[in-house]
């Protein structure tokens, strides 16, 4: 009898604890901007969904929808904000037309290395600035950093790029602030989802494209059509992905549920970076075996690109107060960080 009472008491305590932590189960639909088979870019979304179900013992269930199956990739922000879906996983730089400052949280030309960016984001006020940026433009979302990868390539081209003049008149898919830089150089910049790029290259709708790092570009097959792959990825030294959650859904979640989302996304950020760093070297070596010419941008050309980039960033800062505030915060951090970066890390050629 005493044993029965003891077991009943333990069961009651577990039920009480579970009830207080997870008052209501969460059932979220989450469209994604990237196919979940893309390492580091799409794979974190699937991992987070699985991990949340396991860690919450089923209290949180997130159903992932591949690109275009529920919401078009470029409509994720609006759909989440409007409550049409509870969550979405995307590269928020796609929404620079609606929220001019968000590319600073997604990829900045000549910007921070991935680990420097997450240092600023977690400890330099970046997370809070992002929430304010969305709210100031009227979007009802909670944004959680949920993936990051290292540098992209500077693009895939049919012909060798020997100077910035080669961009004049070129039809190229290029994202975010880097696209604005190429527009200044006379390129015709277009934006389209990754799943459409192979066909666009094949049909000549675009002359060239950038999309991501070698481990991803290989899956998309760009090397089958064009053979010049340019490095370094000056326009995206880091690429950050986010889980966007409808603000009412987020506010209605318990503290325990929020903590699991935050912890899962933080883990996914680490895993995404690790996956890319592990795979890219071997893939890049394989490209060269397929006849792809991997060209390095000369330093003098990089310096020209950097000068144009600084013009673009200052122009954008002059047009939007949120952009100015975030840009200045990042620049202040980079100024102090470079003292550490230049002294602490070995030179790449040593």
Protein backbone atom coordinates (compact mmCIF):
# COMPACT_ATOMS: atom_id res chain seq x y z
CA UNK A 1 0.00 0.00 0.00
CA UNK A 2 2.85 2.37 0.91
CA UNK A 3 4.58 1.48 -2.37
CA UNK A 4 1.38 2.20 -4.31
CA UNK A 5 1.01 5.58 -2.61
CA UNK A 6 4.65 6.40 -3.33
CA UNK A 7 4.31 5.51 -7.01
CA UNK A 8 1.08 7.49 -7.23
CA UNK A 9 2.88 10.48 -5.74
CA UNK A 10 5.76 10.21 -8.21
CA UNK A 11 3.35 9.94 -11.14
CA UNK A 12 1.46 12.97 -9.90
CA UNK A 13 4.68 14.96 -9.60
CA UNK A 14 5.72 14.01 -13.13
CA UNK A 15 2.31 14.97 -14.47
CA UNK A 16 2.43 18.27 -12.60
CA UNK A 17 5.93 19.02 -13.89
CA UNK A 18 5.01 18.09 -17.43
CA UNK A 19 1.84 20.08 -17.23
CA UNK A 20 3.57 23.19 -15.98
CA UNK A 21 6.37 22.98 -18.53
CA UNK A 22 4.20 22.12 -21.52
CA UNK A 23 0.76 23.50 -20.77
CA UNK A 24 -0.36 23.14 -24.39
CA UNK A 25 1.17 21.03 -27.13
CA UNK A 26 2.55 22.93 -30.10
CA UNK A 27 1.79 21.72 -33.60
CA UNK A 28 3.58 23.92 -36.11
CA UNK A 29 3.72 23.79 -39.88
CA UNK A 30 7.10 25.05 -41.10
CA UNK A 31 7.73 25.71 -44.80
CA UNK A 32 11.41 25.97 -45.66
CA UNK A 33 13.27 27.99 -48.28
CA UNK A 34 15.88 25.28 -48.94
CA UNK A 35 15.56 21.58 -49.67
CA UNK A 36 16.45 19.64 -46.54
CA UNK A 37 19.00 17.55 -48.48
CA UNK A 38 21.23 20.63 -48.84
CA UNK A 39 23.99 20.29 -46.21
CA UNK A 40 24.24 23.10 -43.67
CA UNK A 41 21.67 25.19 -45.50
CA UNK A 42 18.52 23.07 -45.47
CA UNK A 43 19.54 20.15 -43.26
CA UNK A 44 19.36 22.13 -39.97
CA UNK A 45 15.61 22.69 -40.44
CA UNK A 46 14.91 18.95 -40.53
CA UNK A 47 17.25 18.29 -37.61
CA UNK A 48 15.58 20.98 -35.48
CA UNK A 49 12.12 19.58 -36.17
CA UNK A 50 13.19 16.07 -35.16
CA UNK A 51 15.10 17.28 -32.12
CA UNK A 52 12.22 19.38 -30.83
CA UNK A 53 9.88 16.39 -30.95
CA UNK A 54 12.37 14.18 -29.13
CA UNK A 55 13.44 16.74 -26.52
CA UNK A 56 9.87 17.78 -25.73
CA UNK A 57 8.64 14.18 -25.58
CA UNK A 58 6.18 15.02 -28.32
CA UNK A 59 4.90 18.27 -26.87
CA UNK A 60 6.40 20.20 -29.79
CA UNK A 61 5.87 18.79 -33.26
CA UNK A 62 7.07 20.73 -36.28
CA UNK A 63 6.09 19.48 -39.72
CA UNK A 64 8.59 20.56 -42.37
CA UNK A 65 7.35 21.37 -45.87
CA UNK A 66 9.92 21.34 -48.67
CA UNK A 67 10.30 24.50 -50.80
CA UNK A 68 7.10 25.46 -52.62
CA UNK A 69 5.00 22.63 -51.15
CA UNK A 70 3.07 24.91 -48.80
CA UNK A 71 4.43 28.44 -49.24
CA UNK A 72 6.70 29.86 -51.97
CA UNK A 73 10.23 30.37 -50.57
CA UNK A 74 10.10 34.16 -50.93
CA UNK A 75 6.70 34.38 -49.14
CA UNK A 76 7.73 32.77 -45.86
CA UNK A 77 8.12 35.97 -43.82
CA UNK A 78 4.72 37.35 -44.79
CA UNK A 79 3.00 34.00 -44.28
CA UNK A 80 4.45 33.60 -40.78
CA UNK A 81 3.66 37.18 -39.81
CA UNK A 82 0.07 36.83 -41.05
CA UNK A 83 -0.40 33.59 -39.11
CA UNK A 84 -1.02 31.49 -42.23
CA UNK A 85 1.72 29.18 -40.94
CA UNK A 86 3.16 29.00 -37.43
CA UNK A 87 6.81 29.00 -38.44
CA UNK A 88 9.18 29.13 -41.39
CA UNK A 89 12.88 28.48 -42.03
CA UNK A 90 14.66 30.80 -44.46
CA UNK A 91 17.52 33.05 -45.43
CA UNK A 92 16.03 36.37 -44.35
CA UNK A 93 18.07 38.39 -46.83
CA UNK A 94 15.41 37.54 -49.42
CA UNK A 95 13.18 40.12 -47.72
CA UNK A 96 15.44 43.15 -48.11
CA UNK A 97 12.75 44.87 -50.19
CA UNK A 98 10.37 44.80 -47.23
CA UNK A 99 12.87 45.07 -44.35
CA UNK A 100 16.02 46.83 -45.64
CA UNK A 101 18.16 45.99 -42.60
CA UNK A 102 17.67 42.20 -42.62
CA UNK A 103 20.51 41.42 -45.07
CA UNK A 104 22.91 42.56 -42.34
CA UNK A 105 21.71 39.55 -40.33
CA UNK A 106 21.93 37.20 -43.32
CA UNK A 107 25.15 37.92 -45.25
CA UNK A 108 27.30 41.04 -45.46
CA UNK A 109 29.85 41.61 -48.26
CA UNK A 110 33.34 41.71 -46.76
CA UNK A 111 31.65 40.99 -43.44
CA UNK A 112 32.41 38.80 -40.47
CA UNK A 113 33.58 35.21 -40.40
CA UNK A 114 30.84 32.85 -39.18
CA UNK A 115 32.17 32.52 -35.65
CA UNK A 116 32.63 36.28 -35.36
CA UNK A 117 29.07 36.85 -36.53
CA UNK A 118 27.57 34.53 -33.93
CA UNK A 119 29.73 36.24 -31.31
CA UNK A 120 28.15 39.57 -32.22
CA UNK A 121 24.67 38.06 -32.59
CA UNK A 122 24.57 36.27 -29.23
CA UNK A 123 26.63 38.65 -27.12
CA UNK A 124 26.65 41.99 -28.99
CA UNK A 125 22.91 42.63 -29.05
CA UNK A 126 22.30 41.22 -32.53
CA UNK A 127 19.40 38.99 -31.50
CA UNK A 128 17.57 41.88 -29.84
CA UNK A 129 18.26 44.21 -32.76
CA UNK A 130 16.73 41.69 -35.16
CA UNK A 131 13.49 41.47 -33.17
CA UNK A 132 13.29 45.28 -33.10
CA UNK A 133 14.00 45.50 -36.83
CA UNK A 134 11.05 43.27 -37.70
CA UNK A 135 8.72 44.98 -35.22
CA UNK A 136 9.64 48.43 -36.56
CA UNK A 137 8.46 47.36 -40.01
CA UNK A 138 5.21 45.90 -38.67
CA UNK A 139 6.03 42.18 -38.90
CA UNK A 140 4.71 39.91 -36.14
CA UNK A 141 7.53 37.38 -35.92
CA UNK A 142 10.06 36.08 -33.47
CA UNK A 143 13.34 35.36 -35.28
CA UNK A 144 15.75 32.72 -33.99
CA UNK A 145 19.19 32.17 -35.51
CA UNK A 146 18.99 28.51 -36.53
CA UNK A 147 21.84 27.78 -38.94
CA UNK A 148 25.04 29.23 -40.34
CA UNK A 149 27.56 28.20 -42.97
CA UNK A 150 30.90 29.52 -44.09
CA UNK A 151 31.78 31.41 -47.26
CA UNK A 152 29.99 30.84 -50.51
CA UNK A 153 31.80 30.81 -53.81
CA UNK A 154 31.72 34.08 -55.75
CA UNK A 155 29.70 32.39 -58.45
CA UNK A 156 29.63 30.16 -61.52
CA UNK A 157 30.42 31.62 -64.93
CA UNK A 158 30.58 30.48 -68.54
CA UNK A 159 33.63 32.63 -69.19
CA UNK A 160 36.61 33.66 -67.12
CA UNK A 161 36.22 36.84 -65.05
CA UNK A 162 39.33 38.98 -65.51
CA UNK A 163 38.09 42.38 -64.34
CA UNK A 164 35.02 44.08 -62.92
CA UNK A 165 34.21 45.29 -66.45
CA UNK A 166 33.20 41.70 -67.24
CA UNK A 167 30.10 42.19 -65.08
CA UNK A 168 28.71 44.94 -67.30
CA UNK A 169 25.55 43.69 -68.97
CA UNK A 170 25.83 40.23 -67.42
CA UNK A 171 22.55 38.55 -66.44
CA UNK A 172 23.34 37.04 -63.07
CA UNK A 173 21.51 35.61 -60.10
CA UNK A 174 23.06 37.24 -57.05
CA UNK A 175 21.54 37.67 -53.60
CA UNK A 176 21.29 40.38 -50.98
CA UNK A 177 23.68 43.27 -50.62
CA UNK A 178 26.18 41.60 -52.94
CA UNK A 179 23.58 41.91 -55.68
CA UNK A 180 23.39 45.66 -55.10
CA UNK A 181 27.17 45.84 -55.49
CA UNK A 182 27.04 44.07 -58.87
CA UNK A 183 24.18 46.32 -60.00
CA UNK A 184 26.50 49.28 -59.41
CA UNK A 185 29.01 47.54 -61.67
CA UNK A 186 26.46 47.31 -64.50
CA UNK A 187 25.19 43.75 -64.06
CA UNK A 188 21.55 42.82 -64.54
CA UNK A 189 20.86 41.13 -61.21
CA UNK A 190 17.92 38.79 -60.74
CA UNK A 191 16.71 36.73 -57.80
CA UNK A 192 15.25 33.24 -58.00
CA UNK A 193 15.12 30.20 -55.69
CA UNK A 194 17.90 27.64 -55.80
CA UNK A 195 15.69 24.97 -57.35
CA UNK A 196 15.22 27.07 -60.50
CA UNK A 197 18.86 27.93 -61.16
CA UNK A 198 20.01 24.86 -63.10
CA UNK A 199 17.28 25.28 -65.69
CA UNK A 200 17.83 29.05 -65.87
CA UNK A 201 21.53 28.51 -66.60
CA UNK A 202 20.81 25.76 -69.09
CA UNK A 203 18.27 27.85 -71.03
CA UNK A 204 20.39 31.02 -70.93
CA UNK A 205 17.86 32.94 -68.85
CA UNK A 206 20.88 33.90 -66.77
CA UNK A 207 24.54 33.97 -67.78
CA UNK A 208 25.91 33.20 -64.33
CA UNK A 209 24.86 32.50 -60.77
CA UNK A 210 25.95 32.31 -57.21
CA UNK A 211 24.09 30.23 -54.69
CA UNK A 212 26.12 28.65 -51.93
CA UNK A 213 29.19 26.64 -50.95
CA UNK A 214 30.67 23.76 -53.01
CA UNK A 215 28.90 20.99 -51.06
CA UNK A 216 25.57 22.53 -52.06
CA UNK A 217 26.42 23.76 -55.55
CA UNK A 218 27.46 20.20 -56.44
CA UNK A 219 23.98 18.89 -55.62
CA UNK A 220 22.42 21.60 -57.80
CA UNK A 221 24.70 20.63 -60.70
CA UNK A 222 26.06 24.00 -61.78
CA UNK A 223 29.36 22.38 -62.79
CA UNK A 224 27.53 20.44 -65.50
CA UNK A 225 26.74 23.67 -67.38
CA UNK A 226 29.45 26.25 -66.62
CA UNK A 227 33.07 25.62 -65.74
CA UNK A 228 34.44 28.75 -64.08
CA UNK A 229 33.97 28.86 -60.30
CA UNK A 230 35.17 32.06 -58.64
CA UNK A 231 36.64 32.47 -55.13
CA UNK A 232 36.59 33.86 -52.46
CA UNK A 233 32.94 34.49 -51.64
CA UNK A 234 33.45 38.16 -50.88
CA UNK A 235 29.71 38.80 -50.83
CA UNK A 236 28.89 36.15 -48.21
CA UNK A 237 31.62 35.27 -45.76
CA UNK A 238 28.85 33.91 -43.57
CA UNK A 239 25.34 32.84 -44.52
CA UNK A 240 22.84 32.73 -41.65
CA UNK A 241 19.44 31.04 -41.64
CA UNK A 242 16.62 31.68 -39.20
CA UNK A 243 13.54 30.03 -37.83
CA UNK A 244 10.78 32.62 -38.00
CA UNK A 245 7.89 32.00 -35.60
CA UNK A 246 4.58 33.82 -35.56
CA UNK A 247 4.69 36.27 -32.63
CA UNK A 248 1.37 35.12 -31.15
CA UNK A 249 2.53 31.50 -31.31
CA UNK A 250 5.81 32.42 -29.65
CA UNK A 251 4.18 34.49 -26.93
CA UNK A 252 1.77 31.63 -26.23
CA UNK A 253 4.52 29.04 -25.78
CA UNK A 254 5.68 28.14 -22.29
CA UNK A 255 9.12 29.13 -21.02
CA UNK A 256 10.20 25.49 -21.31
CA UNK A 257 9.05 25.28 -24.92
CA UNK A 258 10.83 28.52 -25.79
CA UNK A 259 13.99 27.24 -24.13
CA UNK A 260 13.88 24.07 -26.23
CA UNK A 261 13.45 26.06 -29.44
CA UNK A 262 16.36 28.32 -28.53
CA UNK A 263 18.60 25.40 -27.52
CA UNK A 264 17.73 23.36 -30.62
CA UNK A 265 18.42 26.29 -32.94
CA UNK A 266 21.72 27.05 -31.21
CA UNK A 267 22.75 23.41 -31.67
CA UNK A 268 21.62 23.50 -35.31
CA UNK A 269 23.78 26.58 -35.90
CA UNK A 270 26.83 24.66 -34.71
CA UNK A 271 25.92 21.55 -36.66
CA UNK A 272 25.27 23.46 -39.88
CA UNK A 273 28.67 25.14 -39.77
CA UNK A 274 30.39 21.86 -38.92
CA UNK A 275 28.72 20.01 -41.80
CA UNK A 276 29.84 22.53 -44.38
CA UNK A 277 33.39 22.74 -43.08
CA UNK A 278 33.63 18.95 -43.12
CA UNK A 279 32.38 18.46 -46.68
CA UNK A 280 33.59 21.42 -48.75
CA UNK A 281 37.26 20.50 -49.19
CA UNK A 282 36.59 17.11 -50.75
CA UNK A 283 33.83 18.48 -52.98
CA UNK A 284 36.01 21.32 -54.24
CA UNK A 285 38.80 18.90 -55.07
CA UNK A 286 36.28 16.79 -56.97
CA UNK A 287 35.17 19.81 -59.01
CA UNK A 288 38.68 20.22 -60.34
CA UNK A 289 38.67 16.57 -61.44
CA UNK A 290 35.53 17.39 -63.48
CA UNK A 291 37.29 20.14 -65.41
CA UNK A 292 36.01 23.04 -63.33
CA UNK A 293 38.47 25.92 -63.14
CA UNK A 294 38.50 27.40 -59.65
CA UNK A 295 39.82 30.95 -60.03
CA UNK A 296 40.90 33.29 -57.22
CA UNK A 297 39.89 36.93 -57.51
CA UNK A 298 43.08 39.03 -57.60
CA UNK A 299 43.67 41.19 -54.54
CA UNK A 300 43.41 44.44 -56.49
CA UNK A 301 39.99 43.40 -57.81
CA UNK A 302 38.88 42.48 -54.28
CA UNK A 303 39.93 45.93 -53.14
CA UNK A 304 37.79 47.49 -55.87
CA UNK A 305 34.83 45.34 -54.85
CA UNK A 306 35.32 46.35 -51.23
CA UNK A 307 35.30 50.04 -52.15
CA UNK A 308 32.01 49.64 -54.04
CA UNK A 309 30.61 47.60 -51.13
CA UNK A 310 31.37 50.40 -48.70
CA UNK A 311 29.52 52.84 -50.96
CA UNK A 312 26.48 50.55 -51.04
CA UNK A 313 26.45 50.03 -47.27
CA UNK A 314 26.66 53.75 -46.59
CA UNK A 315 23.89 54.45 -49.08
CA UNK A 316 21.63 51.86 -47.47
CA UNK A 317 22.39 53.23 -44.00
CA UNK A 318 21.40 56.72 -45.12
CA UNK A 319 17.99 55.46 -46.27
CA UNK A 320 16.91 53.35 -43.28
CA UNK A 321 17.38 54.02 -39.57
CA UNK A 322 17.35 50.34 -38.60
CA UNK A 323 20.01 49.57 -41.21
CA UNK A 324 22.15 52.41 -39.85
CA UNK A 325 21.81 51.21 -36.26
CA UNK A 326 22.65 47.58 -37.04
CA UNK A 327 25.48 48.50 -39.42
CA UNK A 328 27.11 50.76 -36.84
CA UNK A 329 26.81 48.06 -34.17
CA UNK A 330 28.49 45.51 -36.45
CA UNK A 331 31.23 47.92 -37.49
CA UNK A 332 32.04 48.75 -33.86
CA UNK A 333 32.32 45.06 -33.04
CA UNK A 334 34.48 44.32 -36.10
CA UNK A 335 36.85 47.11 -35.14
CA UNK A 336 37.51 45.55 -31.74
CA UNK A 337 37.40 41.97 -33.05
CA UNK A 338 40.10 42.49 -35.68
CA UNK A 339 42.67 43.05 -32.92
CA UNK A 340 42.00 39.50 -31.78
CA UNK A 341 41.50 38.03 -35.25
CA UNK A 342 44.75 39.37 -36.71
CA UNK A 343 46.89 38.32 -33.76
CA UNK A 344 45.36 35.07 -32.58
CA UNK A 345 44.86 33.02 -35.76
CA UNK A 346 47.61 31.57 -37.91
CA UNK A 347 47.96 33.03 -41.43
CA UNK A 348 46.16 30.90 -44.00
CA UNK A 349 49.38 30.22 -45.94
CA UNK A 350 51.41 29.00 -42.96
